[in-house]
Amino acid sequence: MGVGVFLAVLFAAFLHAAWNAVIKSGTNKLQGMVLLSIAHAFIGLAMVIAFPVPDPAAFVWLAISVVLHLIYKTFLTLAYQKGDLSRVYPISRGTAPVMVLIVSLLFLNDEFSAWQMAGVVLVGFGILMMARGVFTNDEQRGLLPFALIAAMGTAGYTLADGIGARVSLHPSAFVGWVFLLDSILFTSWALAFKGLKVLPKQPRVWALGLVAGSASVVAYWIAVWAMTVAPIALVATLRETSVLFAVLIGVVFLKEKSDKGKVLAALVIVSGIVLMRL
């Protein structure tokens, strides 16, 4: 992975953490995700119009990705209703890189050095360390099943998007179709579940939701592009360092608890990143 790609994915990780913090800081998590999806619809439509149609070989991966994105967003929303950003986010993201690495080694042609594989495992372990309070301090264990299902969705759509973007011949078009279709499904589900009351009345809430949605599109656009020029597992792992940004945002701006364990976990994650660059 080149330096330019490395830095681009780190920037995407920051954007990803930022939009999660916006959703978590709101009073209505489902409402926040709906606004996110509305932004996805507008941006996705613009991308679909602007870029060529993906190669038909990508259509099956597009369908798989949309379904898994829907599962991820639904269960992430439910998890945020049960626990803190600095607990939910690490669990929902921490196991995905290792899962993606295993599948890549078994079924893809991506090549990894021993240092890179060790780095992936170390980053995943460090991310999970961020959430250890759920397991050791009896913190909000009700979030666990929702966060873990969100994690499986993360691993699944990461692989589908990486493979789909590679065979699509037009990664930007593939990303546009993913966001457009995903937004239609998720928004329709939310409106059917909660009705029009899920839509906010305050302009400020609309603005925050649309800004968060725009940030999430840019973040994932960068990640999917990176997966066409670098191993999917390495991009996925580096992207999950957004956990560091999420915990920092959670502690500094959302006034969530911090402890020595989170600091140690951060050091483990950084060590994994270093190994990935060797």
Protein backbone atom coordinates (compact mmCIF):
# COMPACT_ATOMS: atom_id res chain seq x y z
CA MET A 1 0.00 0.00 0.00
CA GLY A 2 1.50 3.33 -1.10
CA VAL A 3 1.87 6.32 1.20
CA GLY A 4 -0.82 8.27 -0.67
CA VAL A 5 -3.34 5.44 -0.32
CA PHE A 6 -2.35 4.97 3.34
CA LEU A 7 -2.99 8.63 4.19
CA ALA A 8 -6.22 8.73 2.19
CA VAL A 9 -7.64 5.77 4.09
CA LEU A 10 -6.62 7.34 7.42
CA PHE A 11 -8.56 10.46 6.43
CA ALA A 12 -11.53 8.25 5.54
CA ALA A 13 -11.26 6.66 8.99
CA PHE A 14 -11.52 10.09 10.63
CA LEU A 15 -14.58 10.99 8.55
CA HIS A 16 -16.20 7.67 9.44
CA ALA A 17 -15.74 8.26 13.16
CA ALA A 18 -17.03 11.82 12.81
CA TRP A 19 -20.36 10.85 11.26
CA ASN A 20 -20.86 8.11 13.83
CA ALA A 21 -20.33 10.70 16.57
CA VAL A 22 -22.97 12.96 15.00
CA ILE A 23 -25.48 10.09 14.98
CA LYS A 24 -24.65 9.11 18.55
CA SER A 25 -24.87 12.69 19.86
CA GLY A 26 -28.41 13.11 18.57
CA THR A 27 -31.43 12.39 20.73
CA ASN A 28 -33.04 10.10 18.15
CA LYS A 29 -30.60 7.59 16.67
CA LEU A 30 -33.02 6.21 14.07
CA GLN A 31 -33.82 9.74 12.93
CA GLY A 32 -30.11 10.40 12.51
CA MET A 33 -29.65 7.30 10.38
CA VAL A 34 -32.65 8.26 8.22
CA LEU A 35 -31.16 11.70 7.57
CA LEU A 36 -27.88 9.96 6.74
CA SER A 37 -29.70 7.79 4.21
CA ILE A 38 -31.45 10.77 2.63
CA ALA A 39 -28.06 12.39 2.04
CA HIS A 40 -26.87 9.08 0.58
CA ALA A 41 -29.80 9.08 -1.84
CA PHE A 42 -29.04 12.52 -3.27
CA ILE A 43 -25.29 11.95 -3.54
CA GLY A 44 -25.71 8.40 -4.82
CA LEU A 45 -28.11 9.60 -7.53
CA ALA A 46 -25.63 12.27 -8.62
CA MET A 47 -22.87 9.66 -8.85
CA VAL A 48 -25.06 7.26 -10.82
CA ILE A 49 -25.80 10.01 -13.34
CA ALA A 50 -22.19 11.23 -13.51
CA PHE A 51 -20.38 7.90 -13.96
CA PRO A 52 -20.78 5.01 -16.46
CA VAL A 53 -22.89 1.97 -15.58
CA PRO A 54 -20.82 -0.73 -13.81
CA ASP A 55 -19.95 -3.92 -15.65
CA PRO A 56 -22.80 -6.49 -15.30
CA ALA A 57 -20.39 -8.77 -13.43
CA ALA A 58 -20.64 -6.38 -10.49
CA PHE A 59 -24.43 -6.55 -10.16
CA VAL A 60 -24.50 -9.60 -7.87
CA TRP A 61 -21.94 -7.98 -5.56
CA LEU A 62 -24.00 -4.80 -5.62
CA ALA A 63 -27.08 -6.70 -4.44
CA ILE A 64 -25.14 -8.47 -1.68
CA SER A 65 -23.57 -5.20 -0.55
CA VAL A 66 -26.91 -3.38 -0.32
CA VAL A 67 -28.46 -6.12 1.82
CA LEU A 68 -25.45 -6.24 4.16
CA HIS A 69 -25.30 -2.43 4.45
CA LEU A 70 -28.95 -2.50 5.50
CA ILE A 71 -28.23 -5.12 8.16
CA TYR A 72 -25.25 -3.14 9.43
CA LYS A 73 -27.09 0.19 9.68
CA THR A 74 -30.15 -1.34 11.32
CA PHE A 75 -28.24 -3.17 14.03
CA LEU A 76 -25.79 -0.31 14.58
CA THR A 77 -28.76 1.97 15.25
CA LEU A 78 -30.18 -0.53 17.75
CA ALA A 79 -26.79 -0.91 19.44
CA TYR A 80 -26.42 2.87 19.86
CA GLN A 81 -29.72 2.88 21.71
CA LYS A 82 -28.15 0.50 24.24
CA GLY A 83 -24.62 1.81 24.81
CA ASP A 84 -21.89 4.44 24.43
CA LEU A 85 -20.16 5.32 21.18
CA SER A 86 -16.81 4.29 22.70
CA ARG A 87 -18.19 0.79 23.44
CA VAL A 88 -20.56 0.08 20.54
CA TYR A 89 -18.24 1.33 17.81
CA PRO A 90 -15.22 -0.84 18.71
CA ILE A 91 -17.31 -4.01 18.92
CA SER A 92 -19.16 -3.35 15.68
CA ARG A 93 -15.89 -2.69 13.84
CA GLY A 94 -13.22 -4.67 15.71
CA THR A 95 -13.84 -8.19 14.48
CA ALA A 96 -14.38 -7.24 10.84
CA PRO A 97 -10.71 -6.84 9.76
CA VAL A 98 -9.71 -10.32 10.93
CA MET A 99 -12.77 -11.85 9.28
CA VAL A 100 -11.93 -10.05 6.03
CA LEU A 101 -8.29 -11.23 6.25
CA ILE A 102 -9.34 -14.87 6.69
CA VAL A 103 -11.67 -14.75 3.69
CA SER A 104 -9.02 -12.95 1.62
CA LEU A 105 -6.41 -15.62 2.40
CA LEU A 106 -8.83 -18.42 1.51
CA PHE A 107 -10.56 -17.06 -1.58
CA LEU A 108 -8.83 -13.96 -3.00
CA ASN A 109 -5.51 -13.41 -4.73
CA ASP A 110 -4.43 -10.59 -2.43
CA GLU A 111 -0.92 -11.07 -1.05
CA PHE A 112 0.19 -10.25 2.50
CA SER A 113 3.49 -10.31 4.32
CA ALA A 114 3.75 -11.91 7.74
CA TRP A 115 4.12 -8.42 9.25
CA GLN A 116 0.97 -7.22 7.55
CA MET A 117 -1.06 -10.19 8.79
CA ALA A 118 0.28 -9.66 12.31
CA GLY A 119 -0.65 -5.99 12.03
CA VAL A 120 -4.24 -6.82 11.03
CA VAL A 121 -4.65 -9.16 13.99
CA LEU A 122 -3.09 -6.65 16.37
CA VAL A 123 -5.34 -3.82 15.20
CA GLY A 124 -8.41 -6.02 15.57
CA PHE A 125 -7.32 -7.06 19.07
CA GLY A 126 -6.68 -3.46 20.07
CA ILE A 127 -10.07 -2.36 18.79
CA LEU A 128 -11.78 -5.05 20.84
CA MET A 129 -9.78 -3.99 23.89
CA MET A 130 -11.55 -0.63 23.61
CA ALA A 131 -14.81 -2.38 24.41
CA ARG A 132 -13.58 -4.64 27.20
CA GLY A 133 -15.75 -2.87 29.80
CA VAL A 134 -18.79 -4.57 28.32
CA PHE A 135 -17.24 -7.94 29.15
CA THR A 136 -15.45 -7.18 32.44
CA ASN A 137 -17.46 -4.42 34.10
CA ASP A 138 -20.96 -5.58 33.27
CA GLU A 139 -21.53 -2.45 31.17
CA GLN A 140 -24.68 -2.41 29.06
CA ARG A 141 -24.41 -5.99 27.83
CA GLY A 142 -27.68 -5.61 25.99
CA LEU A 143 -25.76 -3.90 23.19
CA LEU A 144 -23.64 -7.00 22.45
CA PRO A 145 -25.90 -8.98 20.07
CA PHE A 146 -26.75 -5.87 18.07
CA ALA A 147 -23.12 -4.72 17.82
CA LEU A 148 -21.89 -8.20 16.85
CA ILE A 149 -24.45 -8.57 14.07
CA ALA A 150 -23.43 -5.12 12.86
CA ALA A 151 -19.83 -6.39 12.83
CA MET A 152 -20.75 -9.34 10.62
CA GLY A 153 -22.51 -6.95 8.28
CA THR A 154 -19.37 -4.80 8.21
CA ALA A 155 -17.13 -7.69 7.19
CA GLY A 156 -19.59 -8.90 4.58
CA TYR A 157 -20.22 -5.61 2.83
CA THR A 158 -16.51 -4.73 2.92
CA LEU A 159 -15.71 -7.85 0.91
CA ALA A 160 -18.69 -7.39 -1.42
CA ASP A 161 -17.80 -3.77 -2.10
CA GLY A 162 -14.11 -4.48 -2.61
CA ILE A 163 -14.74 -7.33 -5.06
CA GLY A 164 -17.62 -5.51 -6.73
CA ALA A 165 -15.60 -2.34 -7.26
CA ARG A 166 -12.77 -4.36 -8.80
CA VAL A 167 -14.97 -6.13 -11.34
CA SER A 168 -17.21 -3.11 -12.02
CA LEU A 169 -14.51 -1.28 -14.02
CA HIS A 170 -15.98 1.94 -12.60
CA PRO A 171 -15.60 1.99 -8.77
CA SER A 172 -17.23 5.41 -8.40
CA ALA A 173 -20.33 4.23 -10.24
CA PHE A 174 -20.44 1.12 -8.05
CA VAL A 175 -20.29 3.27 -4.89
CA GLY A 176 -23.06 5.50 -6.23
CA TRP A 177 -25.39 2.55 -6.85
CA VAL A 178 -24.63 1.09 -3.40
CA PHE A 179 -25.57 4.31 -1.62
CA LEU A 180 -28.63 5.01 -3.77
CA LEU A 181 -30.17 1.55 -3.36
CA ASP A 182 -29.20 1.25 0.30
CA SER A 183 -30.78 4.62 1.11
CA ILE A 184 -34.03 3.71 -0.62
CA LEU A 185 -34.33 0.44 1.33
CA PHE A 186 -33.33 1.84 4.74
CA THR A 187 -35.47 4.98 4.49
CA SER A 188 -38.48 2.96 3.32
CA TRP A 189 -38.04 0.57 6.27
CA ALA A 190 -37.75 3.43 8.75
CA LEU A 191 -40.83 5.23 7.41
CA ALA A 192 -42.83 1.99 7.48
CA PHE A 193 -41.64 1.32 11.05
CA LYS A 194 -42.00 4.80 12.55
CA GLY A 195 -43.96 6.86 10.03
CA LEU A 196 -43.29 10.51 9.16
CA LYS A 197 -42.45 11.32 12.77
CA VAL A 198 -38.99 9.89 12.11
CA LEU A 199 -38.31 13.02 10.02
CA PRO A 200 -37.14 16.01 12.11
CA LYS A 201 -38.76 19.43 12.08
CA GLN A 202 -35.71 21.50 13.06
CA PRO A 203 -33.53 22.81 10.18
CA ARG A 204 -30.41 22.38 12.34
CA VAL A 205 -31.07 18.64 12.71
CA TRP A 206 -31.54 18.32 8.95
CA ALA A 207 -28.28 20.17 8.36
CA LEU A 208 -26.30 17.95 10.76
CA GLY A 209 -27.75 14.79 9.27
CA LEU A 210 -26.98 15.84 5.71
CA VAL A 211 -23.43 16.85 6.65
CA ALA A 212 -22.89 13.49 8.38
CA GLY A 213 -24.28 11.69 5.34
CA SER A 214 -21.95 13.56 3.02
CA ALA A 215 -18.96 12.71 5.22
CA SER A 216 -19.90 9.03 5.23
CA VAL A 217 -20.11 8.94 1.42
CA VAL A 218 -16.68 10.55 1.02
CA ALA A 219 -15.22 8.19 3.63
CA TYR A 220 -16.50 5.08 1.95
CA TRP A 221 -15.78 6.33 -1.56
CA ILE A 222 -12.11 6.64 -0.56
CA ALA A 223 -12.10 3.19 1.06
CA VAL A 224 -13.68 1.44 -1.93
CA TRP A 225 -11.28 3.13 -4.34
CA ALA A 226 -8.37 2.06 -2.11
CA MET A 227 -9.58 -1.56 -2.22
CA THR A 228 -9.11 -1.52 -6.00
CA VAL A 229 -5.40 -0.65 -5.69
CA ALA A 230 -4.47 -2.39 -2.40
CA PRO A 231 -5.43 -5.62 -0.57
CA ILE A 232 -9.00 -5.41 0.76
CA ALA A 233 -8.05 -6.68 4.22
CA LEU A 234 -5.33 -4.03 4.67
CA VAL A 235 -7.67 -1.22 3.62
CA ALA A 236 -10.43 -2.57 5.86
CA THR A 237 -8.06 -2.78 8.82
CA LEU A 238 -6.63 0.69 8.35
CA ARG A 239 -10.13 2.09 7.96
CA GLU A 240 -11.15 0.58 11.29
CA THR A 241 -8.58 2.75 13.03
CA SER A 242 -11.50 5.16 12.97
CA VAL A 243 -12.12 3.60 16.39
CA LEU A 244 -9.26 5.73 17.72
CA PHE A 245 -10.95 8.86 16.41
CA ALA A 246 -14.35 7.67 17.66
CA VAL A 247 -13.08 7.07 21.20
CA LEU A 248 -11.31 10.44 21.22
CA ILE A 249 -14.48 12.19 20.06
CA GLY A 250 -16.56 10.23 22.56
CA VAL A 251 -14.31 11.14 25.49
CA VAL A 252 -13.55 14.77 24.59
CA PHE A 253 -16.82 15.96 23.09
CA LEU A 254 -19.50 13.52 24.30
CA LYS A 255 -18.01 13.32 27.84
CA GLU A 256 -17.87 9.52 27.87
CA LYS A 257 -15.64 7.71 30.36
CA SER A 258 -11.94 7.19 29.73
CA ASP A 259 -9.48 4.88 31.51
CA LYS A 260 -6.00 3.40 31.25
CA GLY A 261 -7.39 0.44 29.34
CA LYS A 262 -8.46 2.63 26.44
CA VAL A 263 -5.01 4.22 26.34
CA LEU A 264 -3.37 0.78 26.24
CA ALA A 265 -5.75 -0.34 23.51
CA ALA A 266 -4.86 2.74 21.48
CA LEU A 267 -1.18 1.86 21.74
CA VAL A 268 -1.91 -1.69 20.55
CA ILE A 269 -3.80 -0.34 17.53
CA VAL A 270 -0.99 2.05 16.64
CA SER A 271 1.51 -0.82 16.94
CA GLY A 272 -0.59 -2.83 14.50
CA ILE A 273 -0.59 0.07 12.04
CA VAL A 274 3.19 0.26 12.25
CA LEU A 275 3.49 -3.47 11.52
CA MET A 276 1.22 -3.08 8.48
CA ARG A 277 3.62 -0.50 7.06
CA LEU A 278 6.73 -2.70 7.45
